[in-house]
Amino acid sequence: MFRILAICCFIVGALAGLTQVQAQPEQAQVEYSSAPAESDIEMADTLRQDGKIWVVVVVLLTVMTGLIIYLITLDRKVGKLEKQFKE
């Protein structure tokens, strides 16, 4: 049970860290020849404008929920096997 709580806390912490990303104040931009500028990334802007970013969020949440459910059932099965071997 402790493992499940630890994994859930890790996942929630990671998701909280991702949602708290905020835009930084504009500073003098340094142009790098090998790195594209932030304005060159059109995919994220397009997804936000079309409202499809929510599809991405739902898919990610579905995958994360599935992984958590899988880990819980796997932990229960392993716990039952451990109890059988202890007897």
PDB file of N, CA and C in Angstrom:
ATOM      1  N   MET A   1       0.822  -1.192   0.000  1.00  0.00           N
ATOM      2  CA  MET A   1       0.000   0.000   0.000  1.00  0.00           C
ATOM      3  C   MET A   1       0.862   1.251   0.000  1.00  0.00           C
ATOM      4  N   PHE A   2       1.993   1.183   0.710  1.00  0.00           N
ATOM      5  CA  PHE A   2       2.894   2.326   0.755  1.00  0.00           C
ATOM      6  C   PHE A   2       3.444   2.647  -0.624  1.00  0.00           C
ATOM      7  N   ARG A   3       3.710   1.599  -1.407  1.00  0.00           N
ATOM      8  CA  ARG A   3       4.231   1.817  -2.761  1.00  0.00           C
ATOM      9  C   ARG A   3       3.223   2.556  -3.615  1.00  0.00           C
ATOM     10  N   ILE A   4       1.952   2.199  -3.491  1.00  0.00           N
ATOM     11  CA  ILE A   4       0.912   2.856  -4.279  1.00  0.00           C
ATOM     12  C   ILE A   4       0.818   4.327  -3.910  1.00  0.00           C
ATOM     13  N   LEU A   5       0.844   4.617  -2.608  1.00  0.00           N
ATOM     14  CA  LEU A   5       0.784   6.008  -2.175  1.00  0.00           C
ATOM     15  C   LEU A   5       1.993   6.796  -2.658  1.00  0.00           C
ATOM     16  N   ALA A   6       3.161   6.182  -2.619  1.00  0.00           N
ATOM     17  CA  ALA A   6       4.366   6.865  -3.078  1.00  0.00           C
ATOM     18  C   ALA A   6       4.295   7.158  -4.564  1.00  0.00           C
ATOM     19  N   ILE A   7       3.822   6.204  -5.347  1.00  0.00           N
ATOM     20  CA  ILE A   7       3.701   6.397  -6.788  1.00  0.00           C
ATOM     21  C   ILE A   7       2.671   7.468  -7.096  1.00  0.00           C
ATOM     22  N   CYS A   8       1.537   7.432  -6.417  1.00  0.00           N
ATOM     23  CA  CYS A   8       0.500   8.443  -6.646  1.00  0.00           C
ATOM     24  C   CYS A   8       0.993   9.837  -6.273  1.00  0.00           C
ATOM     25  N   CYS A   9       1.721   9.942  -5.171  1.00  0.00           N
ATOM     26  CA  CYS A   9       2.271  11.246  -4.774  1.00  0.00           C
ATOM     27  C   CYS A   9       3.269  11.746  -5.809  1.00  0.00           C
ATOM     28  N   PHE A  10       4.074  10.851  -6.336  1.00  0.00           N
ATOM     29  CA  PHE A  10       5.035  11.236  -7.370  1.00  0.00           C
ATOM     30  C   PHE A  10       4.326  11.728  -8.619  1.00  0.00           C
ATOM     31  N   ILE A  11       3.281  11.030  -9.044  1.00  0.00           N
ATOM     32  CA  ILE A  11       2.548  11.412 -10.247  1.00  0.00           C
ATOM     33  C   ILE A  11       1.831  12.736 -10.039  1.00  0.00           C
ATOM     34  N   VAL A  12       1.178  12.898  -8.894  1.00  0.00           N
ATOM     35  CA  VAL A  12       0.478  14.154  -8.610  1.00  0.00           C
ATOM     36  C   VAL A  12       1.473  15.310  -8.542  1.00  0.00           C
ATOM     37  N   GLY A  13       2.617  15.080  -7.938  1.00  0.00           N
ATOM     38  CA  GLY A  13       3.642  16.122  -7.867  1.00  0.00           C
ATOM     39  C   GLY A  13       4.155  16.502  -9.245  1.00  0.00           C
ATOM     40  N   ALA A  14       4.344  15.500 -10.092  1.00  0.00           N
ATOM     41  CA  ALA A  14       4.816  15.785 -11.445  1.00  0.00           C
ATOM     42  C   ALA A  14       3.770  16.567 -12.236  1.00  0.00           C
ATOM     43  N   LEU A  15       2.508  16.176 -12.094  1.00  0.00           N
ATOM     44  CA  LEU A  15       1.446  16.894 -12.801  1.00  0.00           C
ATOM     45  C   LEU A  15       1.286  18.310 -12.260  1.00  0.00           C
ATOM     46  N   ALA A  16       1.429  18.478 -10.958  1.00  0.00           N
ATOM     47  CA  ALA A  16       1.322  19.817 -10.373  1.00  0.00           C
ATOM     48  C   ALA A  16       2.464  20.696 -10.857  1.00  0.00           C
ATOM     49  N   GLY A  17       3.632  20.124 -11.006  1.00  0.00           N
ATOM     50  CA  GLY A  17       4.768  20.880 -11.513  1.00  0.00           C
ATOM     51  C   GLY A  17       4.566  21.308 -12.954  1.00  0.00           C
ATOM     52  N   LEU A  18       3.899  20.458 -13.730  1.00  0.00           N
ATOM     53  CA  LEU A  18       3.651  20.807 -15.126  1.00  0.00           C
ATOM     54  C   LEU A  18       2.591  21.883 -15.268  1.00  0.00           C
ATOM     55  N   THR A  19       1.611  21.880 -14.395  1.00  0.00           N
ATOM     56  CA  THR A  19       0.534  22.855 -14.521  1.00  0.00           C
ATOM     57  C   THR A  19       0.919  24.216 -13.977  1.00  0.00           C
ATOM     58  N   GLN A  20       1.970  24.298 -13.176  1.00  0.00           N
ATOM     59  CA  GLN A  20       2.355  25.568 -12.592  1.00  0.00           C
ATOM     60  C   GLN A  20       3.385  26.314 -13.421  1.00  0.00           C
ATOM     61  N   VAL A  21       3.652  25.818 -14.608  1.00  0.00           N
ATOM     62  CA  VAL A  21       4.596  26.510 -15.477  1.00  0.00           C
ATOM     63  C   VAL A  21       3.955  27.812 -15.924  1.00  0.00           C
ATOM     64  N   GLN A  22       4.643  28.900 -15.693  1.00  0.00           N
ATOM     65  CA  GLN A  22       4.117  30.206 -16.033  1.00  0.00           C
ATOM     66  C   GLN A  22       5.069  30.894 -16.987  1.00  0.00           C
ATOM     67  N   ALA A  23       4.515  31.838 -17.726  1.00  0.00           N
ATOM     68  CA  ALA A  23       5.341  32.586 -18.653  1.00  0.00           C
ATOM     69  C   ALA A  23       6.291  33.475 -17.867  1.00  0.00           C
ATOM     70  N   GLN A  24       7.523  33.499 -18.270  1.00  0.00           N
ATOM     71  CA  GLN A  24       8.497  34.333 -17.611  1.00  0.00           C
ATOM     72  C   GLN A  24       8.463  35.727 -18.222  1.00  0.00           C
ATOM     73  N   PRO A  25       8.820  36.739 -17.446  1.00  0.00           N
ATOM     74  CA  PRO A  25       8.836  38.080 -18.003  1.00  0.00           C
ATOM     75  C   PRO A  25       9.827  38.166 -19.154  1.00  0.00           C
ATOM     76  N   GLU A  26       9.493  39.008 -20.102  1.00  0.00           N
ATOM     77  CA  GLU A  26      10.345  39.123 -21.277  1.00  0.00           C
ATOM     78  C   GLU A  26      11.689  39.704 -20.895  1.00  0.00           C
ATOM     79  N   GLN A  27      12.699  39.052 -21.380  1.00  0.00           N
ATOM     80  CA  GLN A  27      14.058  39.511 -21.163  1.00  0.00           C
ATOM     81  C   GLN A  27      14.689  39.681 -22.535  1.00  0.00           C
ATOM     82  N   ALA A  28      15.863  40.200 -22.544  1.00  0.00           N
ATOM     83  CA  ALA A  28      16.559  40.352 -23.822  1.00  0.00           C
ATOM     84  C   ALA A  28      16.742  38.967 -24.425  1.00  0.00           C
ATOM     85  N   GLN A  29      16.221  38.789 -25.621  1.00  0.00           N
ATOM     86  CA  GLN A  29      16.315  37.485 -26.260  1.00  0.00           C
ATOM     87  C   GLN A  29      17.703  37.299 -26.837  1.00  0.00           C
ATOM     88  N   VAL A  30      18.227  36.132 -26.589  1.00  0.00           N
ATOM     89  CA  VAL A  30      19.515  35.773 -27.155  1.00  0.00           C
ATOM     90  C   VAL A  30      19.231  34.811 -28.283  1.00  0.00           C
ATOM     91  N   GLU A  31      19.645  35.146 -29.445  1.00  0.00           N
ATOM     92  CA  GLU A  31      19.401  34.304 -30.610  1.00  0.00           C
ATOM     93  C   GLU A  31      20.473  33.230 -30.697  1.00  0.00           C
ATOM     94  N   TYR A  32      20.042  31.990 -30.757  1.00  0.00           N
ATOM     95  CA  TYR A  32      20.943  30.871 -30.954  1.00  0.00           C
ATOM     96  C   TYR A  32      20.695  30.342 -32.348  1.00  0.00           C
ATOM     97  N   SER A  33      21.739  30.048 -33.021  1.00  0.00           N
ATOM     98  CA  SER A  33      21.580  29.602 -34.402  1.00  0.00           C
ATOM     99  C   SER A  33      21.006  28.197 -34.484  1.00  0.00           C
ATOM    100  N   SER A  34      21.271  27.344 -33.472  1.00  0.00           N
ATOM    101  CA  SER A  34      20.807  25.964 -33.539  1.00  0.00           C
ATOM    102  C   SER A  34      19.431  25.773 -32.912  1.00  0.00           C
ATOM    103  N   ALA A  35      18.966  26.699 -32.070  1.00  0.00           N
ATOM    104  CA  ALA A  35      17.679  26.549 -31.386  1.00  0.00           C
ATOM    105  C   ALA A  35      16.641  27.467 -32.035  1.00  0.00           C
ATOM    106  N   PRO A  36      15.440  26.937 -32.303  1.00  0.00           N
ATOM    107  CA  PRO A  36      14.399  27.791 -32.883  1.00  0.00           C
ATOM    108  C   PRO A  36      13.839  28.747 -31.837  1.00  0.00           C
ATOM    109  N   ALA A  37      13.373  29.873 -32.280  1.00  0.00           N
ATOM    110  CA  ALA A  37      12.754  30.845 -31.381  1.00  0.00           C
ATOM    111  C   ALA A  37      11.404  30.307 -30.924  1.00  0.00           C
ATOM    112  N   GLU A  38      10.902  30.820 -29.803  1.00  0.00           N
ATOM    113  CA  GLU A  38       9.635  30.326 -29.272  1.00  0.00           C
ATOM    114  C   GLU A  38       8.481  30.609 -30.217  1.00  0.00           C
ATOM    115  N   SER A  39       8.556  31.662 -30.991  1.00  0.00           N
ATOM    116  CA  SER A  39       7.462  31.997 -31.901  1.00  0.00           C
ATOM    117  C   SER A  39       7.404  31.049 -33.093  1.00  0.00           C
ATOM    118  N   ASP A  40       8.462  30.260 -33.289  1.00  0.00           N
ATOM    119  CA  ASP A  40       8.467  29.313 -34.407  1.00  0.00           C
ATOM    120  C   ASP A  40       7.637  28.076 -34.128  1.00  0.00           C
ATOM    121  N   ILE A  41       7.237  27.853 -32.872  1.00  0.00           N
ATOM    122  CA  ILE A  41       6.474  26.667 -32.511  1.00  0.00           C
ATOM    123  C   ILE A  41       4.998  26.976 -32.741  1.00  0.00           C
ATOM    124  N   GLU A  42       4.497  26.527 -33.855  1.00  0.00           N
ATOM    125  CA  GLU A  42       3.120  26.825 -34.224  1.00  0.00           C
ATOM    126  C   GLU A  42       2.145  25.750 -33.782  1.00  0.00           C
ATOM    127  N   MET A  43       2.650  24.547 -33.509  1.00  0.00           N
ATOM    128  CA  MET A  43       1.762  23.441 -33.175  1.00  0.00           C
ATOM    129  C   MET A  43       0.978  23.733 -31.901  1.00  0.00           C
ATOM    130  N   ALA A  44       1.651  24.217 -30.854  1.00  0.00           N
ATOM    131  CA  ALA A  44       0.967  24.478 -29.597  1.00  0.00           C
ATOM    132  C   ALA A  44      -0.062  25.588 -29.753  1.00  0.00           C
ATOM    133  N   ASP A  45       0.293  26.619 -30.506  1.00  0.00           N
ATOM    134  CA  ASP A  45      -0.653  27.712 -30.735  1.00  0.00           C
ATOM    135  C   ASP A  45      -1.864  27.228 -31.514  1.00  0.00           C
ATOM    136  N   THR A  46      -1.633  26.404 -32.499  1.00  0.00           N
ATOM    137  CA  THR A  46      -2.736  25.878 -33.306  1.00  0.00           C
ATOM    138  C   THR A  46      -3.651  24.991 -32.469  1.00  0.00           C
ATOM    139  N   LEU A  47      -3.057  24.148 -31.616  1.00  0.00           N
ATOM    140  CA  LEU A  47      -3.867  23.278 -30.762  1.00  0.00           C
ATOM    141  C   LEU A  47      -4.713  24.096 -29.793  1.00  0.00           C
ATOM    142  N   ARG A  48      -4.145  25.168 -29.261  1.00  0.00           N
ATOM    143  CA  ARG A  48      -4.912  26.011 -28.339  1.00  0.00           C
ATOM    144  C   ARG A  48      -6.039  26.732 -29.064  1.00  0.00           C
ATOM    145  N   GLN A  49      -5.767  27.236 -30.244  1.00  0.00           N
ATOM    146  CA  GLN A  49      -6.789  27.979 -30.985  1.00  0.00           C
ATOM    147  C   GLN A  49      -7.944  27.079 -31.399  1.00  0.00           C
ATOM    148  N   ASP A  50      -7.634  25.865 -31.807  1.00  0.00           N
ATOM    149  CA  ASP A  50      -8.669  24.941 -32.265  1.00  0.00           C
ATOM    150  C   ASP A  50      -9.377  24.244 -31.119  1.00  0.00           C
ATOM    151  N   GLY A  51      -8.860  24.373 -29.905  1.00  0.00           N
ATOM    152  CA  GLY A  51      -9.460  23.693 -28.761  1.00  0.00           C
ATOM    153  C   GLY A  51      -9.065  22.233 -28.676  1.00  0.00           C
ATOM    154  N   LYS A  52      -8.116  21.814 -29.491  1.00  0.00           N
ATOM    155  CA  LYS A  52      -7.702  20.408 -29.490  1.00  0.00           C
ATOM    156  C   LYS A  52      -6.709  20.108 -28.382  1.00  0.00           C
ATOM    157  N   ILE A  53      -6.233  21.130 -27.703  1.00  0.00           N
ATOM    158  CA  ILE A  53      -5.310  20.896 -26.591  1.00  0.00           C
ATOM    159  C   ILE A  53      -6.006  20.080 -25.507  1.00  0.00           C
ATOM    160  N   TRP A  54      -7.310  20.240 -25.394  1.00  0.00           N
ATOM    161  CA  TRP A  54      -8.066  19.478 -24.402  1.00  0.00           C
ATOM    162  C   TRP A  54      -8.134  18.003 -24.765  1.00  0.00           C
ATOM    163  N   VAL A  55      -8.090  17.697 -26.055  1.00  0.00           N
ATOM    164  CA  VAL A  55      -8.041  16.292 -26.470  1.00  0.00           C
ATOM    165  C   VAL A  55      -6.735  15.679 -25.987  1.00  0.00           C
ATOM    166  N   VAL A  56      -5.652  16.425 -26.127  1.00  0.00           N
ATOM    167  CA  VAL A  56      -4.350  15.940 -25.666  1.00  0.00           C
ATOM    168  C   VAL A  56      -4.372  15.736 -24.153  1.00  0.00           C
ATOM    169  N   VAL A  57      -4.952  16.673 -23.434  1.00  0.00           N
ATOM    170  CA  VAL A  57      -5.028  16.566 -21.976  1.00  0.00           C
ATOM    171  C   VAL A  57      -5.851  15.347 -21.571  1.00  0.00           C
ATOM    172  N   VAL A  58      -6.974  15.124 -22.221  1.00  0.00           N
ATOM    173  CA  VAL A  58      -7.832  13.978 -21.893  1.00  0.00           C
ATOM    174  C   VAL A  58      -7.114  12.662 -22.182  1.00  0.00           C
ATOM    175  N   VAL A  59      -6.414  12.597 -23.287  1.00  0.00           N
ATOM    176  CA  VAL A  59      -5.685  11.368 -23.622  1.00  0.00           C
ATOM    177  C   VAL A  59      -4.597  11.103 -22.589  1.00  0.00           C
ATOM    178  N   LEU A  60      -3.859  12.136 -22.212  1.00  0.00           N
ATOM    179  CA  LEU A  60      -2.819  11.956 -21.195  1.00  0.00           C
ATOM    180  C   LEU A  60      -3.407  11.528 -19.857  1.00  0.00           C
ATOM    181  N   LEU A  61      -4.510  12.136 -19.458  1.00  0.00           N
ATOM    182  CA  LEU A  61      -5.147  11.741 -18.201  1.00  0.00           C
ATOM    183  C   LEU A  61      -5.662  10.315 -18.258  1.00  0.00           C
ATOM    184  N   THR A  62      -6.180   9.907 -19.402  1.00  0.00           N
ATOM    185  CA  THR A  62      -6.662   8.532 -19.562  1.00  0.00           C
ATOM    186  C   THR A  62      -5.515   7.543 -19.435  1.00  0.00           C
ATOM    187  N   VAL A  63      -4.405   7.846 -20.063  1.00  0.00           N
ATOM    188  CA  VAL A  63      -3.247   6.957 -19.984  1.00  0.00           C
ATOM    189  C   VAL A  63      -2.721   6.900 -18.552  1.00  0.00           C
ATOM    190  N   MET A  64      -2.627   8.045 -17.892  1.00  0.00           N
ATOM    191  CA  MET A  64      -2.148   8.066 -16.518  1.00  0.00           C
ATOM    192  C   MET A  64      -3.088   7.307 -15.583  1.00  0.00           C
ATOM    193  N   THR A  65      -4.399   7.464 -15.774  1.00  0.00           N
ATOM    194  CA  THR A  65      -5.376   6.737 -14.962  1.00  0.00           C
ATOM    195  C   THR A  65      -5.246   5.233 -15.183  1.00  0.00           C
ATOM    196  N   GLY A  66      -5.077   4.834 -16.423  1.00  0.00           N
ATOM    197  CA  GLY A  66      -4.892   3.415 -16.727  1.00  0.00           C
ATOM    198  C   GLY A  66      -3.647   2.852 -16.067  1.00  0.00           C
ATOM    199  N   LEU A  67      -2.564   3.614 -16.090  1.00  0.00           N
ATOM    200  CA  LEU A  67      -1.333   3.154 -15.443  1.00  0.00           C
ATOM    201  C   LEU A  67      -1.505   3.020 -13.934  1.00  0.00           C
ATOM    202  N   ILE A  68      -2.190   3.970 -13.338  1.00  0.00           N
ATOM    203  CA  ILE A  68      -2.417   3.910 -11.889  1.00  0.00           C
ATOM    204  C   ILE A  68      -3.279   2.703 -11.530  1.00  0.00           C
ATOM    205  N   ILE A  69      -4.334   2.463 -12.292  1.00  0.00           N
ATOM    206  CA  ILE A  69      -5.199   1.302 -12.035  1.00  0.00           C
ATOM    207  C   ILE A  69      -4.411   0.007 -12.211  1.00  0.00           C
ATOM    208  N   TYR A  70      -3.579  -0.046 -13.248  1.00  0.00           N
ATOM    209  CA  TYR A  70      -2.756  -1.231 -13.480  1.00  0.00           C
ATOM    210  C   TYR A  70      -1.799  -1.465 -12.314  1.00  0.00           C
ATOM    211  N   LEU A  71      -1.169  -0.399 -11.836  1.00  0.00           N
ATOM    212  CA  LEU A  71      -0.239  -0.547 -10.710  1.00  0.00           C
ATOM    213  C   LEU A  71      -0.952  -0.994  -9.442  1.00  0.00           C
ATOM    214  N   ILE A  72      -2.149  -0.503  -9.217  1.00  0.00           N
ATOM    215  CA  ILE A  72      -2.906  -0.909  -8.028  1.00  0.00           C
ATOM    216  C   ILE A  72      -3.259  -2.387  -8.102  1.00  0.00           C
ATOM    217  N   THR A  73      -3.753  -2.837  -9.243  1.00  0.00           N
ATOM    218  CA  THR A  73      -4.103  -4.260  -9.362  1.00  0.00           C
ATOM    219  C   THR A  73      -2.857  -5.136  -9.281  1.00  0.00           C
ATOM    220  N   LEU A  74      -1.757  -4.685  -9.865  1.00  0.00           N
ATOM    221  CA  LEU A  74      -0.525  -5.456  -9.792  1.00  0.00           C
ATOM    222  C   LEU A  74      -0.014  -5.548  -8.361  1.00  0.00           C
ATOM    223  N   ASP A  75      -0.132  -4.456  -7.612  1.00  0.00           N
ATOM    224  CA  ASP A  75       0.299  -4.469  -6.215  1.00  0.00           C
ATOM    225  C   ASP A  75      -0.557  -5.422  -5.394  1.00  0.00           C
ATOM    226  N   ARG A  76      -1.841  -5.455  -5.662  1.00  0.00           N
ATOM    227  CA  ARG A  76      -2.722  -6.390  -4.934  1.00  0.00           C
ATOM    228  C   ARG A  76      -2.358  -7.838  -5.235  1.00  0.00           C
ATOM    229  N   LYS A  77      -2.077  -8.127  -6.503  1.00  0.00           N
ATOM    230  CA  LYS A  77      -1.710  -9.491  -6.869  1.00  0.00           C
ATOM    231  C   LYS A  77      -0.396  -9.900  -6.224  1.00  0.00           C
ATOM    232  N   VAL A  78       0.565  -9.003  -6.235  1.00  0.00           N
ATOM    233  CA  VAL A  78       1.858  -9.305  -5.610  1.00  0.00           C
ATOM    234  C   VAL A  78       1.680  -9.484  -4.104  1.00  0.00           C
ATOM    235  N   GLY A  79       0.828  -8.671  -3.496  1.00  0.00           N
ATOM    236  CA  GLY A  79       0.556  -8.812  -2.062  1.00  0.00           C
ATOM    237  C   GLY A  79      -0.050 -10.164  -1.730  1.00  0.00           C
ATOM    238  N   LYS A  80      -0.969 -10.627  -2.573  1.00  0.00           N
ATOM    239  CA  LYS A  80      -1.572 -11.956  -2.347  1.00  0.00           C
ATOM    240  C   LYS A  80      -0.529 -13.059  -2.479  1.00  0.00           C
ATOM    241  N   LEU A  81       0.352 -12.934  -3.485  1.00  0.00           N
ATOM    242  CA  LEU A  81       1.400 -13.939  -3.658  1.00  0.00           C
ATOM    243  C   LEU A  81       2.369 -13.930  -2.467  1.00  0.00           C
ATOM    244  N   GLU A  82       2.691 -12.752  -1.955  1.00  0.00           N
ATOM    245  CA  GLU A  82       3.573 -12.683  -0.790  1.00  0.00           C
ATOM    246  C   GLU A  82       2.937 -13.350   0.419  1.00  0.00           C
ATOM    247  N   LYS A  83       1.639 -13.159   0.593  1.00  0.00           N
ATOM    248  CA  LYS A  83       0.948 -13.787   1.721  1.00  0.00           C
ATOM    249  C   LYS A  83       0.957 -15.313   1.567  1.00  0.00           C
ATOM    250  N   GLN A  84       0.803 -15.805   0.333  1.00  0.00           N
ATOM    251  CA  GLN A  84       0.803 -17.253   0.106  1.00  0.00           C
ATOM    252  C   GLN A  84       2.171 -17.853   0.426  1.00  0.00           C
ATOM    253  N   PHE A  85       3.238 -17.170   0.075  1.00  0.00           N
ATOM    254  CA  PHE A  85       4.571 -17.693   0.327  1.00  0.00           C
ATOM    255  C   PHE A  85       4.957 -17.614   1.787  1.00  0.00           C
ATOM    256  N   LYS A  86       4.391 -16.667   2.533  1.00  0.00           N
ATOM    257  CA  LYS A  86       4.693 -16.553   3.948  1.00  0.00           C
ATOM    258  C   LYS A  86       4.045 -17.661   4.762  1.00  0.00           C
ATOM    259  N   GLU A  87       2.943 -18.201   4.281  1.00  0.00           N
ATOM    260  CA  GLU A  87       2.217 -19.237   5.017  1.00  0.00           C
ATOM    261  C   GLU A  87       2.886 -20.570   4.952  1.00  0.00           C
TER     262      GLU A  87
END
